[in-house]
């Protein structure tokens, strides 16, 4: 491990080198192109989740649909915020966020779902949240201390994905009893 640099003149000199790289300095320890690729895959995942939740929000029907649809809409908004954070981080890293709709589902870790049954919608959303949790946990571990800022973005997303999964699990626990299943 490198020794901590306390010479402020040396720090300033290093800061002037490769100034066109913005926040990426010689201290950056991750594989930058791969980090940008992973962020773009997560971006695709979040966008597919937004679309799935929006579809479920608009197509939910039945006596219990209103509170469930409200949860779908809330999650859609939060997934959009995740996508925005990822796109912003990709740009900070010198990359380009990939919003190409032609390849969105191919790059996404989660799948799109067009179920019409309310319980199936919840189950598919819970599966997608569990996929995101597993993926983001692996990404956090992979990044380690090589890109702390990107790791923190994924830690924040992971925490909210866990909340979503818990919300959906709670809905599933309440709905089958109410539906007589």
Protein backbone atom coordinates (compact mmCIF):
# COMPACT_ATOMS: atom_id res chain seq x y z
CA UNK A 1 0.00 0.00 0.00
CA UNK A 2 1.26 3.46 -0.87
CA UNK A 3 2.34 5.80 1.88
CA UNK A 4 0.01 8.68 2.73
CA UNK A 5 1.16 11.83 0.94
CA UNK A 6 1.39 14.83 3.26
CA UNK A 7 3.34 17.15 0.96
CA UNK A 8 0.68 19.62 -0.20
CA UNK A 9 2.94 20.89 -3.00
CA UNK A 10 3.12 17.37 -4.40
CA UNK A 11 -0.65 16.95 -4.07
CA UNK A 12 -1.19 20.20 -5.99
CA UNK A 13 1.27 19.15 -8.70
CA UNK A 14 -0.52 15.82 -9.14
CA UNK A 15 -3.88 17.58 -9.27
CA UNK A 16 -2.67 19.60 -12.28
CA UNK A 17 -1.64 16.47 -14.17
CA UNK A 18 -4.31 15.13 -16.52
CA UNK A 19 -6.74 17.84 -15.43
CA UNK A 20 -9.04 16.82 -18.29
CA UNK A 21 -9.93 13.63 -16.36
CA UNK A 22 -11.97 15.63 -13.84
CA UNK A 23 -12.52 13.60 -10.67
CA UNK A 24 -10.49 10.61 -11.88
CA UNK A 25 -7.03 10.92 -10.35
CA UNK A 26 -4.09 8.56 -10.00
CA UNK A 27 -5.68 7.44 -6.70
CA UNK A 28 -8.61 5.86 -8.61
CA UNK A 29 -8.05 2.14 -8.32
CA UNK A 30 -10.90 0.52 -10.24
CA UNK A 31 -11.14 -0.61 -13.86
CA UNK A 32 -12.84 2.56 -15.16
CA UNK A 33 -14.31 1.17 -18.42
CA UNK A 34 -15.70 -1.83 -16.53
CA UNK A 35 -17.16 0.39 -13.78
CA UNK A 36 -18.92 2.49 -16.43
CA UNK A 37 -20.24 -0.70 -18.08
CA UNK A 38 -21.53 -2.04 -14.75
CA UNK A 39 -23.18 1.32 -14.01
CA UNK A 40 -24.85 1.24 -17.43
CA UNK A 41 -26.16 -2.27 -16.75
CA UNK A 42 -27.56 -1.03 -13.43
CA UNK A 43 -29.05 1.97 -15.26
CA UNK A 44 -30.81 -0.40 -17.65
CA UNK A 45 -32.03 -2.45 -14.68
CA UNK A 46 -33.49 0.62 -13.00
CA UNK A 47 -35.18 1.82 -16.19
CA UNK A 48 -36.78 -1.59 -16.80
CA UNK A 49 -37.98 -1.51 -13.19
CA UNK A 50 -39.52 1.92 -13.73
CA UNK A 51 -41.37 0.62 -16.78
CA UNK A 52 -42.52 -2.57 -15.03
CA UNK A 53 -43.77 -0.67 -11.97
CA UNK A 54 -45.54 1.90 -14.18
CA UNK A 55 -47.24 -0.88 -16.16
CA UNK A 56 -48.33 -2.55 -12.94
CA UNK A 57 -49.57 0.77 -11.56
CA UNK A 58 -51.77 1.44 -14.57
CA UNK A 59 -53.04 -2.12 -15.03
CA UNK A 60 -53.69 -3.14 -11.41
CA UNK A 61 -57.36 -3.98 -10.92
CA UNK A 62 -59.58 -5.46 -8.27
CA UNK A 63 -60.81 -4.59 -4.83
CA UNK A 64 -57.26 -4.44 -3.36
CA UNK A 65 -55.67 -2.70 -6.33
CA UNK A 66 -55.68 0.87 -5.00
CA UNK A 67 -53.17 0.52 -2.12
CA UNK A 68 -51.01 -1.90 -4.14
CA UNK A 69 -51.01 0.42 -7.15
CA UNK A 70 -49.99 3.31 -4.89
CA UNK A 71 -47.00 1.22 -3.77
CA UNK A 72 -46.14 0.47 -7.41
CA UNK A 73 -46.21 4.18 -8.24
CA UNK A 74 -44.02 5.08 -5.26
CA UNK A 75 -41.49 2.42 -6.24
CA UNK A 76 -41.51 3.60 -9.87
CA UNK A 77 -40.56 7.10 -8.74
CA UNK A 78 -37.77 5.81 -6.54
CA UNK A 79 -36.42 3.57 -9.30
CA UNK A 80 -36.37 6.64 -11.58
CA UNK A 81 -34.33 8.46 -8.94
CA UNK A 82 -31.91 5.51 -8.93
CA UNK A 83 -31.59 5.72 -12.72
CA UNK A 84 -30.88 9.44 -12.49
CA UNK A 85 -28.17 8.91 -9.85
CA UNK A 86 -26.52 6.22 -11.96
CA UNK A 87 -26.62 8.36 -15.11
CA UNK A 88 -25.07 11.25 -13.20
CA UNK A 89 -22.29 9.01 -11.84
CA UNK A 90 -21.57 7.61 -15.31
CA UNK A 91 -21.08 11.15 -16.60
CA UNK A 92 -18.86 12.02 -13.61
CA UNK A 93 -16.70 9.03 -14.52
CA UNK A 94 -16.33 10.33 -18.07
CA UNK A 95 -18.77 7.87 -19.61
CA UNK A 96 -22.05 8.15 -21.44
CA UNK A 97 -25.27 6.85 -19.93
CA UNK A 98 -26.88 4.31 -22.26
CA UNK A 99 -30.61 4.96 -22.58
CA UNK A 100 -30.96 3.05 -25.87
CA UNK A 101 -34.42 1.45 -25.74
CA UNK A 102 -33.48 -1.18 -28.34
CA UNK A 103 -31.03 -2.86 -25.95
CA UNK A 104 -32.51 -1.91 -22.59
CA UNK A 105 -33.92 -5.32 -21.66
CA UNK A 106 -30.78 -7.09 -22.88
CA UNK A 107 -28.59 -5.04 -20.53
CA UNK A 108 -30.96 -5.13 -17.56
CA UNK A 109 -30.46 -7.59 -14.74
CA UNK A 110 -34.22 -7.53 -14.02
CA UNK A 111 -36.93 -8.62 -16.41
CA UNK A 112 -39.95 -6.71 -17.66
CA UNK A 113 -43.32 -8.17 -16.69
CA UNK A 114 -46.78 -7.66 -18.12
CA UNK A 115 -48.82 -9.75 -15.67
CA UNK A 116 -52.41 -8.69 -15.12
CA UNK A 117 -52.99 -10.65 -11.89
CA UNK A 118 -52.33 -8.44 -8.85
CA UNK A 119 -50.55 -11.12 -6.83
CA UNK A 120 -48.40 -12.10 -9.82
CA UNK A 121 -47.46 -8.45 -10.30
CA UNK A 122 -46.27 -8.23 -6.71
CA UNK A 123 -44.36 -11.51 -7.01
CA UNK A 124 -42.61 -10.40 -10.20
CA UNK A 125 -41.71 -7.05 -8.65
CA UNK A 126 -40.34 -8.85 -5.60
CA UNK A 127 -38.24 -11.13 -7.81
CA UNK A 128 -36.84 -8.08 -9.62
CA UNK A 129 -36.00 -6.40 -6.31
CA UNK A 130 -34.24 -9.57 -5.14
CA UNK A 131 -32.23 -9.64 -8.38
CA UNK A 132 -31.21 -6.02 -7.83
CA UNK A 133 -30.27 -6.77 -4.21
CA UNK A 134 -28.06 -9.69 -5.24
CA UNK A 135 -26.47 -7.73 -8.12
CA UNK A 136 -25.86 -4.55 -6.13
CA UNK A 137 -24.43 -6.50 -3.19
CA UNK A 138 -21.95 -8.12 -5.56
CA UNK A 139 -21.09 -4.75 -7.13
CA UNK A 140 -20.48 -3.15 -3.71
CA UNK A 141 -18.14 -6.01 -2.78
CA UNK A 142 -16.40 -5.86 -6.17
CA UNK A 143 -15.80 -2.11 -5.95
CA UNK A 144 -14.46 -2.31 -2.40
CA UNK A 145 -12.18 0.67 -1.77
CA UNK A 146 -11.16 1.07 -5.40
CA UNK A 147 -14.06 3.45 -6.18
CA UNK A 148 -15.61 4.55 -2.91
CA UNK A 149 -18.01 7.08 -4.45
CA UNK A 150 -19.57 4.61 -6.88
CA UNK A 151 -19.68 2.02 -4.10
CA UNK A 152 -21.63 4.48 -1.93
CA UNK A 153 -24.11 5.09 -4.76
CA UNK A 154 -24.72 1.34 -4.97
CA UNK A 155 -24.95 1.04 -1.18
CA UNK A 156 -27.69 3.69 -1.17
CA UNK A 157 -29.54 1.97 -4.02
CA UNK A 158 -29.16 -1.39 -2.28
CA UNK A 159 -30.71 -0.06 0.92
CA UNK A 160 -33.75 1.22 -0.94
CA UNK A 161 -34.10 -2.00 -2.99
CA UNK A 162 -34.16 -3.90 0.32
CA UNK A 163 -36.95 -1.58 1.53
CA UNK A 164 -38.88 -2.24 -1.69
CA UNK A 165 -38.50 -6.01 -1.24
CA UNK A 166 -39.72 -5.74 2.34
CA UNK A 167 -42.73 -3.65 1.22
CA UNK A 168 -43.64 -6.20 -1.45
CA UNK A 169 -43.18 -9.14 0.92
CA UNK A 170 -45.58 -7.39 3.32
CA UNK A 171 -48.14 -6.94 0.55
CA UNK A 172 -47.90 -10.62 -0.38
CA UNK A 173 -48.36 -11.65 3.24
CA UNK A 174 -51.52 -9.55 3.56
CA UNK A 175 -53.11 -10.12 0.15
CA UNK A 176 -53.40 -13.92 -0.06
CA UNK A 177 -55.33 -13.98 3.22
CA UNK A 178 -57.61 -11.24 1.94
CA UNK A 179 -58.07 -13.03 -1.39
CA UNK A 180 -58.76 -16.38 0.29
CA UNK A 181 -55.61 -18.04 -1.14
